[in-house]
Protein backbone atom coordinates (compact mmCIF):
# COMPACT_ATOMS: atom_id res chain seq x y z
CA MET A 1 61.87 -66.65 -19.93
CA PRO A 2 61.75 -68.32 -16.50
CA SER A 3 58.85 -70.67 -16.10
CA SER A 4 57.59 -68.62 -13.15
CA LEU A 5 56.84 -65.74 -15.51
CA ARG A 6 54.91 -68.03 -17.84
CA ARG A 7 52.72 -69.07 -14.92
CA LEU A 8 51.51 -65.53 -14.24
CA PRO A 9 48.06 -65.77 -12.61
CA THR A 10 45.23 -65.19 -15.03
CA ALA A 11 43.61 -62.66 -12.71
CA ALA A 12 46.74 -60.51 -12.70
CA ALA A 13 46.79 -60.49 -16.48
CA VAL A 14 43.15 -59.50 -16.58
CA TRP A 15 43.73 -56.64 -14.13
CA MET A 16 46.74 -55.44 -16.12
CA LEU A 17 44.73 -55.31 -19.34
CA THR A 18 41.88 -53.56 -17.53
CA GLY A 19 44.27 -50.96 -16.15
CA LEU A 20 45.80 -50.29 -19.53
CA THR A 21 42.30 -49.96 -21.01
CA LEU A 22 40.94 -47.61 -18.36
CA GLY A 23 44.10 -45.54 -17.95
CA GLY A 24 43.53 -41.94 -18.98
CA CYS A 25 39.91 -41.73 -17.76
CA ALA A 26 39.99 -38.81 -15.33
CA VAL A 27 37.18 -38.27 -12.84
CA GLY A 28 36.24 -34.90 -11.44
CA PRO A 29 35.28 -31.55 -13.01
CA ASP A 30 37.22 -30.06 -15.88
CA PHE A 31 38.46 -26.53 -15.24
CA ARG A 32 36.60 -23.68 -16.87
CA ARG A 33 37.92 -20.13 -16.70
CA PRO A 34 35.47 -17.98 -14.74
CA GLU A 35 33.94 -14.86 -16.14
CA PRO A 36 35.64 -11.89 -14.41
CA PRO A 37 33.40 -9.52 -12.43
CA ALA A 38 34.71 -6.47 -14.25
CA GLY A 39 33.56 -4.02 -16.90
CA THR A 40 34.78 -3.70 -20.47
CA HIS A 41 36.70 -0.44 -20.01
CA PHE A 42 38.36 1.73 -17.40
CA VAL A 43 36.28 4.68 -16.28
CA SER A 44 39.29 7.01 -16.18
CA ALA A 45 40.98 5.76 -19.35
CA GLY A 46 39.82 8.71 -21.47
CA ALA A 47 41.33 11.28 -19.12
CA VAL A 48 44.64 9.38 -19.02
CA ASP A 49 44.77 9.08 -22.81
CA ALA A 50 44.10 12.82 -23.19
CA ARG A 51 46.89 14.01 -20.90
CA SER A 52 49.97 15.69 -22.36
CA ALA A 53 53.03 13.70 -21.32
CA PRO A 54 56.35 12.46 -22.69
CA ALA A 55 56.23 9.22 -24.64
CA GLY A 56 56.40 6.10 -22.46
CA ALA A 57 58.75 3.15 -22.86
CA GLU A 58 58.45 1.23 -26.11
CA ASP A 59 58.78 -2.04 -24.19
CA PRO A 60 56.02 -2.23 -21.53
CA ALA A 61 58.19 -4.62 -19.52
CA ARG A 62 60.75 -1.78 -19.18
CA TRP A 63 58.26 0.94 -18.37
CA TRP A 64 60.64 2.74 -16.00
CA THR A 65 62.78 3.83 -18.95
CA GLY A 66 59.91 6.18 -19.88
CA PHE A 67 61.03 8.46 -17.03
CA ASP A 68 64.25 9.10 -19.00
CA ASP A 69 66.50 8.91 -15.94
CA PRO A 70 69.77 6.94 -16.41
CA LEU A 71 70.34 6.58 -12.66
CA LEU A 72 66.86 5.12 -12.21
CA ASP A 73 67.67 2.63 -14.99
CA ARG A 74 70.84 1.55 -13.16
CA ILE A 75 69.04 1.22 -9.85
CA VAL A 76 66.32 -0.96 -11.40
CA ALA A 77 68.95 -3.18 -13.03
CA ARG A 78 70.59 -3.60 -9.63
CA VAL A 79 67.22 -4.36 -8.01
CA LEU A 80 66.52 -7.13 -10.52
CA ALA A 81 69.96 -8.62 -9.90
CA GLY A 82 70.27 -8.30 -6.13
CA ASN A 83 66.89 -7.91 -4.44
CA LEU A 84 66.43 -10.57 -1.77
CA ASP A 85 62.65 -10.72 -2.09
CA LEU A 86 63.22 -11.87 -5.67
CA ALA A 87 65.63 -14.52 -4.37
CA VAL A 88 62.85 -15.77 -2.07
CA ALA A 89 60.38 -15.87 -4.99
CA ALA A 90 62.90 -17.77 -7.11
CA ALA A 91 63.40 -20.30 -4.30
CA ARG A 92 59.65 -20.82 -4.03
CA LEU A 93 59.51 -21.38 -7.76
CA GLU A 94 62.17 -24.07 -7.47
CA GLN A 95 60.19 -25.75 -4.70
CA ALA A 96 57.09 -25.77 -6.90
CA ARG A 97 59.16 -27.15 -9.79
CA ALA A 98 60.37 -29.99 -7.57
CA GLY A 99 56.81 -30.69 -6.41
CA LEU A 100 55.67 -30.97 -10.01
CA ALA A 101 58.55 -33.32 -10.81
CA VAL A 102 57.53 -35.58 -7.91
CA ARG A 103 53.87 -35.71 -9.02
CA THR A 104 54.93 -36.43 -12.59
CA ALA A 105 57.28 -39.22 -11.53
CA ILE A 106 54.55 -40.93 -9.50
CA GLN A 107 52.70 -41.85 -12.70
CA ARG A 108 55.70 -43.56 -14.25
CA PRO A 109 57.00 -47.05 -13.50
CA SER A 110 59.76 -47.15 -10.92
CA GLY A 111 62.60 -49.61 -10.80
CA GLN A 112 64.90 -50.82 -8.08
CA LEU A 113 68.11 -52.79 -8.11
CA GLY A 114 69.14 -54.51 -4.92
CA ALA A 115 71.93 -56.77 -3.74
CA GLU A 116 72.20 -58.44 -0.36
CA ALA A 117 74.77 -60.56 1.40
CA ALA A 118 74.00 -61.84 4.88
CA THR A 119 75.36 -64.31 7.37
CA GLY A 120 73.63 -65.64 10.48
CA ARG A 121 73.91 -68.12 13.30
CA LEU A 122 70.82 -70.08 14.37
CA SER A 123 70.02 -70.55 18.06
CA VAL A 124 69.74 -74.19 19.14
CA GLN A 125 67.53 -73.21 22.11
CA THR A 126 64.49 -72.59 19.95
CA PRO A 127 62.17 -75.42 18.88
CA LEU A 128 63.40 -75.17 15.27
CA GLY A 129 67.02 -74.99 16.39
CA ARG A 130 66.65 -78.07 18.59
CA LEU A 131 65.04 -80.02 15.77
CA LEU A 132 67.73 -79.09 13.26
CA ASP A 133 70.52 -79.61 15.78
CA ALA A 134 69.48 -83.23 16.10
CA ARG A 135 70.32 -83.84 12.43
CA PRO A 136 73.81 -85.07 11.61
CA GLY A 137 76.10 -82.44 10.09
CA PHE A 138 73.88 -79.51 11.04
CA ASP A 139 75.72 -76.23 10.64
CA ARG A 140 74.32 -73.40 12.77
CA THR A 141 75.96 -70.79 10.52
CA ALA A 142 74.28 -69.91 7.20
CA ASP A 143 75.10 -67.43 4.42
CA GLU A 144 72.56 -65.88 2.04
CA TYR A 145 73.12 -63.92 -1.15
CA ALA A 146 70.61 -62.19 -3.40
CA LEU A 147 70.73 -60.02 -6.52
CA ASN A 148 67.38 -58.70 -7.73
CA ALA A 149 65.91 -56.14 -10.14
CA GLY A 150 62.40 -54.99 -9.35
CA ALA A 151 59.81 -52.69 -10.88
CA SER A 152 56.48 -51.27 -9.77
CA TRP A 153 53.80 -49.22 -11.43
CA GLU A 154 50.59 -47.81 -10.03
CA LEU A 155 48.07 -47.68 -12.83
CA ASP A 156 46.12 -44.44 -12.97
CA LEU A 157 42.79 -46.17 -13.65
CA PHE A 158 40.54 -43.20 -12.94
CA GLY A 159 42.86 -40.23 -13.37
CA GLY A 160 43.48 -39.45 -9.70
CA LEU A 161 47.23 -39.29 -10.22
CA GLN A 162 46.77 -37.16 -13.34
CA ARG A 163 44.58 -34.74 -11.39
CA GLY A 164 47.30 -34.54 -8.74
CA GLU A 165 49.85 -33.73 -11.42
CA ASP A 166 47.51 -31.10 -12.90
CA ALA A 167 47.23 -29.48 -9.47
CA ALA A 168 51.01 -29.51 -9.02
CA ARG A 169 51.48 -28.05 -12.50
CA ALA A 170 49.02 -25.26 -11.75
CA ASP A 171 50.82 -24.56 -8.46
CA TYR A 172 54.10 -24.38 -10.39
CA LEU A 173 52.66 -21.95 -12.92
CA ALA A 174 51.18 -19.90 -10.07
CA ALA A 175 54.64 -19.73 -8.50
CA GLY A 176 56.04 -18.55 -11.85
CA ALA A 177 53.40 -15.82 -12.03
CA GLY A 178 54.16 -14.97 -8.42
CA GLU A 179 57.82 -14.51 -9.28
CA ALA A 180 56.87 -12.14 -12.11
CA GLY A 181 54.60 -10.29 -9.71
CA ALA A 182 57.44 -9.97 -7.22
CA ARG A 183 59.69 -8.48 -9.92
CA LEU A 184 57.00 -5.97 -10.84
CA ALA A 185 56.41 -5.07 -7.18
CA VAL A 186 60.06 -4.47 -6.25
CA VAL A 187 60.79 -2.49 -9.42
CA ALA A 188 57.73 -0.32 -8.82
CA GLN A 189 58.76 0.16 -5.20
CA ALA A 190 62.29 1.12 -6.26
CA ALA A 191 60.99 3.64 -8.81
CA ASP A 192 58.54 5.08 -6.28
CA THR A 193 61.27 5.41 -3.64
CA TYR A 194 63.65 7.01 -6.13
CA ILE A 195 61.05 9.61 -7.10
CA TYR A 196 60.38 10.25 -3.42
CA VAL A 197 64.10 10.89 -2.84
CA ARG A 198 64.23 13.34 -5.73
CA ALA A 199 61.09 15.09 -4.46
CA LEU A 200 62.58 15.56 -1.00
CA GLN A 201 65.79 16.88 -2.56
CA SER A 202 63.80 19.38 -4.61
CA ARG A 203 61.86 20.48 -1.56
CA LEU A 204 65.09 20.85 0.39
CA GLN A 205 66.58 22.92 -2.42
CA VAL A 206 63.59 25.28 -2.34
CA LEU A 207 63.83 25.43 1.44
CA HIS A 208 67.53 26.31 1.32
CA GLU A 209 66.80 29.06 -1.21
CA GLN A 210 64.11 30.43 1.08
CA ILE A 211 66.48 30.27 4.06
CA ASP A 212 69.10 32.23 2.10
CA THR A 213 66.46 34.83 1.19
CA GLN A 214 65.30 35.08 4.79
CA ARG A 215 68.87 35.43 6.06
CA ARG A 216 69.56 38.25 3.62
CA LEU A 217 66.38 39.92 4.78
CA VAL A 218 67.43 39.55 8.45
CA GLY A 219 70.83 41.03 7.63
CA LEU A 220 69.26 43.93 5.78
CA ILE A 221 66.91 44.68 8.68
CA ALA A 222 69.77 44.41 11.20
CA LEU A 223 71.66 47.01 9.17
CA GLN A 224 68.62 49.30 9.15
CA VAL A 225 68.14 48.85 12.89
CA SER A 226 71.78 49.77 13.52
CA ARG A 227 71.21 52.98 11.54
CA GLY A 228 67.96 53.74 13.28
CA LEU A 229 65.91 53.21 10.13
CA ALA A 230 63.94 50.20 11.41
CA ALA A 231 62.47 49.05 14.70
CA GLU A 232 63.66 46.08 16.73
CA LEU A 233 60.20 44.57 16.24
CA GLN A 234 60.84 44.14 12.54
CA HIS A 235 64.17 42.45 13.27
CA ASP A 236 62.50 40.04 15.71
CA GLN A 237 59.76 39.26 13.19
CA ALA A 238 62.32 38.45 10.50
CA GLN A 239 64.36 36.25 12.82
CA GLY A 240 61.24 34.38 13.91
CA ALA A 241 60.28 33.75 10.28
CA LEU A 242 63.82 32.51 9.56
CA ALA A 243 63.71 30.10 12.50
CA GLU A 244 60.33 28.76 11.33
CA VAL A 245 61.73 27.98 7.88
CA GLU A 246 64.93 26.43 9.27
CA ALA A 247 62.91 24.20 11.59
CA ALA A 248 61.52 22.34 8.56
CA LEU A 249 65.02 21.20 7.51
CA PRO A 250 65.61 18.28 9.94
CA ALA A 251 62.36 16.47 9.11
CA LEU A 252 62.94 16.70 5.34
CA GLU A 253 66.57 15.59 5.69
CA ALA A 254 65.57 12.64 7.87
CA GLY A 255 62.96 11.59 5.31
CA ARG A 256 65.47 11.89 2.46
CA ASP A 257 68.06 9.75 4.28
CA ALA A 258 65.48 7.11 5.23
CA ALA A 259 64.33 6.88 1.60
CA MET A 260 67.93 6.49 0.43
CA PHE A 261 68.47 3.68 2.92
CA ALA A 262 65.26 1.99 1.76
CA LEU A 263 66.53 2.15 -1.81
CA ASP A 264 69.79 0.50 -0.72
CA VAL A 265 67.89 -2.39 0.86
CA LEU A 266 65.77 -2.83 -2.28
CA THR A 267 68.93 -3.32 -4.34
CA GLY A 268 70.30 -5.82 -1.83
CA ASP A 269 73.07 -3.49 -0.63
CA ALA A 270 74.07 -2.13 2.75
CA PRO A 271 72.54 1.25 3.70
CA GLY A 272 74.61 4.06 2.23
CA HIS A 273 75.57 2.26 -0.98
CA TRP A 274 73.76 4.65 -3.36
CA ARG A 275 74.25 7.82 -1.33
CA ALA A 276 77.20 9.13 -3.34
CA GLU A 277 75.26 8.85 -6.60
CA LEU A 278 72.04 10.23 -5.15
CA GLU A 279 73.58 13.19 -3.30
CA PRO A 280 73.83 15.52 -6.33
CA PRO A 281 70.32 16.98 -6.80
CA ALA A 282 68.63 16.16 -10.09
CA ALA A 283 65.41 17.13 -11.78
CA LEU A 284 62.28 15.43 -10.58
CA PRO A 285 61.28 12.73 -13.13
CA ARG A 286 58.21 13.64 -15.11
CA ALA A 287 55.39 11.13 -15.47
CA PRO A 288 55.47 9.54 -18.96
CA ALA A 289 52.55 8.48 -21.09
CA VAL A 290 50.55 5.49 -19.84
CA ALA A 291 48.87 3.18 -22.34
CA THR A 292 45.34 2.22 -21.28
CA ALA A 293 44.32 0.10 -24.28
CA GLY A 294 42.72 -3.25 -23.59
CA GLY A 295 40.68 -2.52 -20.50
CA PRO A 296 40.02 -4.98 -17.68
CA ALA A 297 40.03 -8.01 -19.97
CA SER A 298 43.59 -7.27 -21.07
CA LEU A 299 44.50 -6.57 -17.44
CA ILE A 300 43.58 -10.13 -16.46
CA ARG A 301 45.83 -11.60 -19.14
CA ARG A 302 48.74 -9.31 -18.27
CA ARG A 303 48.77 -8.84 -14.51
CA PRO A 304 50.85 -11.55 -12.75
CA ASP A 305 48.83 -11.72 -9.53
CA LEU A 306 45.64 -12.37 -11.51
CA MET A 307 47.41 -15.07 -13.50
CA ALA A 308 48.54 -16.63 -10.24
CA ALA A 309 44.99 -16.46 -8.83
CA GLU A 310 43.64 -18.23 -11.91
CA TYR A 311 46.30 -20.95 -11.68
CA ARG A 312 45.50 -21.47 -7.99
CA LEU A 313 41.83 -21.81 -8.94
CA ALA A 314 42.79 -24.42 -11.55
CA ALA A 315 44.84 -26.29 -8.92
CA SER A 316 41.92 -26.37 -6.49
CA ASN A 317 39.68 -27.63 -9.28
CA ALA A 318 42.10 -30.46 -10.05
CA ARG A 319 42.21 -31.47 -6.39
CA ILE A 320 38.48 -32.17 -6.52
CA GLY A 321 39.14 -34.86 -9.13
CA GLU A 322 42.04 -36.17 -7.05
CA ALA A 323 39.69 -36.53 -4.07
CA ILE A 324 36.90 -38.12 -6.13
CA ALA A 325 39.33 -40.73 -7.46
CA ALA A 326 39.52 -42.16 -3.93
CA TYR A 327 36.01 -43.62 -4.46
CA TYR A 328 37.47 -46.03 -7.00
CA PRO A 329 39.95 -48.90 -6.64
CA ARG A 330 43.68 -48.43 -7.15
CA MET A 331 45.83 -51.09 -8.75
CA ALA A 332 49.57 -51.53 -8.86
CA LEU A 333 51.78 -53.94 -10.79
CA THR A 334 55.02 -55.21 -9.29
CA GLY A 335 57.67 -57.43 -10.74
CA LEU A 336 60.92 -58.96 -9.60
CA LEU A 337 63.67 -60.78 -11.46
CA GLY A 338 66.89 -61.94 -9.88
CA PHE A 339 68.89 -64.62 -8.11
CA ALA A 340 69.06 -65.89 -4.55
CA THR A 341 71.18 -68.58 -3.00
CA ALA A 342 72.60 -69.74 0.28
CA GLY A 343 76.05 -70.15 -1.27
CA GLY A 344 78.01 -67.43 -3.04
CA GLY A 345 79.49 -69.75 -5.64
CA SER A 346 76.13 -70.64 -7.21
CA LEU A 347 74.46 -67.17 -7.19
CA ILE A 348 74.27 -66.79 -10.98
CA ALA A 349 73.36 -70.40 -11.63
CA SER A 350 70.10 -71.19 -13.38
CA GLY A 351 68.76 -72.92 -10.34
CA ALA A 352 69.13 -69.71 -8.30
CA ALA A 353 66.96 -67.63 -10.67
CA GLN A 354 63.74 -66.25 -9.27
CA ALA A 355 60.93 -64.18 -10.76
CA ARG A 356 57.68 -62.69 -9.52
CA LEU A 357 54.92 -60.65 -11.15
CA ALA A 358 51.92 -59.49 -9.15
CA ALA A 359 48.93 -57.20 -9.47
CA GLY A 360 47.63 -55.63 -6.27
CA LEU A 361 44.27 -54.00 -5.69
CA ARG A 362 43.45 -51.48 -2.95
CA TRP A 363 39.98 -50.06 -2.49
CA ARG A 364 38.71 -47.85 0.35
CA LEU A 365 35.40 -49.67 0.15
CA PHE A 366 34.22 -48.98 3.70
CA ASP A 367 35.74 -45.51 4.01
CA PHE A 368 33.34 -43.54 1.83
CA GLY A 369 32.32 -41.25 4.69
CA ARG A 370 35.86 -39.94 4.98
CA ILE A 371 36.13 -39.65 1.20
CA ASP A 372 32.88 -37.65 1.16
CA ALA A 373 34.47 -35.24 3.62
CA GLU A 374 37.66 -34.99 1.56
CA VAL A 375 35.66 -34.25 -1.61
CA ALA A 376 33.59 -31.64 0.25
CA ALA A 377 36.78 -30.03 1.54
CA ALA A 378 38.21 -29.94 -1.98
CA ARG A 379 35.04 -28.33 -3.33
CA GLY A 380 35.18 -25.82 -0.51
CA GLY A 381 38.77 -25.04 -1.45
CA GLU A 382 37.71 -24.40 -5.03
CA ALA A 383 34.89 -22.10 -3.90
CA GLU A 384 37.38 -20.18 -1.76
CA ALA A 385 39.86 -19.91 -4.65
CA LEU A 386 37.08 -18.71 -6.96
CA ALA A 387 36.06 -16.01 -4.50
CA HIS A 388 39.72 -14.97 -4.12
CA TYR A 389 40.07 -14.78 -7.89
CA ARG A 390 36.99 -12.63 -8.38
CA GLN A 391 38.00 -10.37 -5.50
CA ALA A 392 41.50 -10.06 -6.94
CA VAL A 393 40.06 -8.95 -10.29
CA LEU A 394 37.87 -6.33 -8.63
CA ARG A 395 40.71 -5.01 -6.51
CA ALA A 396 43.06 -4.94 -9.49
CA THR A 397 40.54 -2.88 -11.45
CA GLU A 398 40.11 -0.61 -8.44
CA GLU A 399 43.88 -0.10 -8.22
CA VAL A 400 44.01 0.89 -11.88
CA GLU A 401 41.15 3.36 -11.51
CA ASN A 402 42.66 4.89 -8.37
CA ALA A 403 46.08 5.21 -9.99
CA PHE A 404 44.57 6.81 -13.12
CA ILE A 405 42.56 9.29 -11.07
CA ALA A 406 45.57 10.18 -8.93
CA LEU A 407 47.73 10.69 -12.03
CA VAL A 408 45.29 12.98 -13.80
CA LYS A 409 44.25 14.96 -10.73
CA ARG A 410 47.78 15.42 -9.39
CA GLU A 411 48.97 16.70 -12.75
CA ALA A 412 46.07 19.15 -12.82
CA GLN A 413 46.93 20.23 -9.29
CA ALA A 414 50.59 20.71 -10.25
CA ALA A 415 49.59 22.87 -13.22
CA THR A 416 47.37 25.05 -11.02
CA LEU A 417 50.07 25.36 -8.38
CA SER A 418 52.63 26.28 -11.03
CA THR A 419 50.42 29.14 -12.17
CA GLY A 420 49.91 30.25 -8.59
CA GLU A 421 53.64 30.03 -7.87
CA ALA A 422 54.40 32.33 -10.77
CA ALA A 423 51.86 34.85 -9.48
CA LEU A 424 53.19 34.64 -5.91
CA THR A 425 56.76 35.12 -7.17
CA ARG A 426 55.72 38.40 -8.80
CA ALA A 427 53.77 39.39 -5.70
CA ARG A 428 56.78 38.77 -3.44
CA THR A 429 59.04 40.84 -5.67
CA ARG A 430 56.58 43.73 -5.61
CA ALA A 431 56.05 43.44 -1.85
CA PHE A 432 59.78 43.60 -1.20
CA ALA A 433 60.16 46.63 -3.47
CA ALA A 434 57.21 48.31 -1.76
CA TRP A 435 58.71 47.61 1.69
CA GLN A 436 62.02 49.11 0.62
CA GLY A 437 60.09 52.17 -0.53
CA GLY A 438 58.31 52.35 2.81
CA VAL A 439 54.88 51.69 1.29
CA VAL A 440 54.12 48.41 3.10
CA SER A 441 55.24 46.86 6.34
CA LEU A 442 57.68 43.98 6.77
CA VAL A 443 54.80 41.71 7.75
CA GLU A 444 53.52 41.79 4.19
CA VAL A 445 56.95 40.80 2.83
CA LEU A 446 57.20 37.91 5.28
CA ASP A 447 53.67 36.83 4.41
CA ALA A 448 54.55 36.89 0.69
CA ASP A 449 57.64 34.79 1.41
CA SER A 450 55.60 32.25 3.39
CA ARG A 451 52.96 31.96 0.69
CA LEU A 452 55.56 31.52 -2.03
CA LEU A 453 57.38 28.83 -0.05
CA ARG A 454 54.18 26.88 0.53
CA ALA A 455 53.19 27.15 -3.14
CA ARG A 456 56.57 25.92 -4.37
CA ASP A 457 56.59 23.06 -1.87
CA ALA A 458 53.05 22.05 -2.80
CA ARG A 459 53.85 22.20 -6.52
CA ILE A 460 56.87 19.91 -6.07
CA GLN A 461 54.81 17.48 -4.01
CA ALA A 462 52.05 17.45 -6.64
CA GLU A 463 54.55 16.77 -9.44
CA ALA A 464 56.15 14.00 -7.39
CA ASP A 465 52.75 12.50 -6.58
CA ALA A 466 51.89 12.56 -10.29
CA ALA A 467 55.11 10.70 -11.14
CA ARG A 468 54.46 8.21 -8.36
CA ALA A 469 50.88 7.78 -9.61
CA ALA A 470 52.35 6.90 -13.02
CA VAL A 471 54.45 4.24 -11.31
CA ALA A 472 51.34 2.97 -9.54
CA SER A 473 49.53 2.90 -12.91
CA PHE A 474 52.25 0.79 -14.53
CA ARG A 475 52.22 -1.56 -11.56
CA ALA A 476 48.41 -1.80 -11.49
CA LEU A 477 48.34 -2.51 -15.23
CA GLY A 478 50.82 -5.36 -14.84
CA GLY A 479 53.79 -3.47 -16.22
CA GLY A 480 54.12 -5.75 -19.24
CA TRP A 481 55.60 -8.54 -17.12
CA GLN A 482 55.02 -12.12 -18.16
CA PRO A 483 55.85 -15.16 -16.02
CA ALA A 484 59.18 -16.77 -16.82
CA VAL A 485 57.43 -20.15 -16.49
CA THR A 486 55.03 -21.18 -19.22
CA ASP A 487 53.72 -24.53 -20.28
CA ASP A 488 52.00 -24.61 -23.63
CA THR A 489 51.46 -28.37 -23.35
CA ARG A 490 49.09 -28.13 -20.39
CA PRO A 491 45.33 -28.57 -20.95
CA ARG A 492 43.90 -25.15 -21.72
CA PRO A 493 40.99 -23.89 -19.61
CA VAL A 494 37.82 -23.42 -21.61
CA ALA A 495 35.63 -20.34 -21.43
CA GLY A 496 32.78 -20.24 -18.97
CA THR A 497 32.40 -20.87 -15.27
CA PRO A 498 33.74 -23.71 -13.11
CA GLY A 499 32.08 -26.67 -14.72
CA SER A 500 30.63 -29.98 -13.72
CA GLN A 501 32.28 -33.35 -13.63
CA GLY A 502 33.75 -34.49 -16.92
């Protein structure tokens, strides 16, 4: 060992031992999971559990398979593979991963290896140059060579660096939960849009059937008018009713096309990609069973946005400790071992060896006012994150309740409308027969047609709204998604409320 290393200052050795002794003591409050401001059960859970519906998906993370629609399954698979919002979420996750890696690396010793070769020419017009120039054999040109290995390590005496790493880790986990939330959101949006497309197709099919019926009626009346069996008034009334029904076509077709284009964008494809597969009409998907077990407490553990809110709260809590650590001194150890010489031939010689070991102390001793402000800002950030978390829990519970109510009530509405549609179908048949027999006027037939059309359209919309409410229920419940990023080695939050300094 070079003699310079043996002459390490006593104070540096003392500081090094102190740092190794105190390392691991973390200032600031330890994170405690807050009690959620939610009840123990969903108000509408009983009504949802009692509904008669097809069995849902066995895997909650693949809830859309409960609709038993192969095309929907293919669309969702394409969404998960090609949606650009998911690509953005994945990129954010990588950024958070890199941020965590940086904060982790800060706590470890760093090493450097450097080599330098330089040549220079000294001015003889400076005082030093004039003095040296007066010496015999003075050479104005000088070469310098150096080869050094260095290391540095900032000792985490009071846990400020560890708190920073904890905050970065929580941000990373929040980004992972955010990615899972993005997957749930885009899949739910795709399923909702798909159901909307099928609903518009069903409504268009009913409308086309009604148009065909109205056209046959107009033709029949025109024949009767030509034979003198009916008045022109009846023909005009029938044509007006036909035009009224036909006028509804453009709006429904425009809505269908726009929904198809939206579905294309969700899958990351150009508008028109799925049109060929969606063009053939298909049955409207029926809302499957929705599992409500667990209540709000289970919702918090399962829903990605609530996980992310809790991780962000943990990150803000850790930043309080990071700010508090600025009250205390920071110490760093640096070392250097290498060779330096003014002549290349003797660079590795023993006489060219050099070594240095130092301990440096930095303390913001007269800056406590600014530190007070930084700590207050960090505490304010935690209070904001806590309020966001509690609000997120309340809103999540509200979304579940609203989705459950919509599901149950829309299904009840669809059942009532189905009964009414059957009755109006019989009434229309009887009205048409009575008109042919001359018992009633054409107005009554047209009125029966209009009522039947409205009932069928309303029934389809209610069934579609029920299926979309099921989608909203799966989304509100978290859909079984779990973040792809987990870290079982991180300190676990303890039960309770945000605690005091540990």
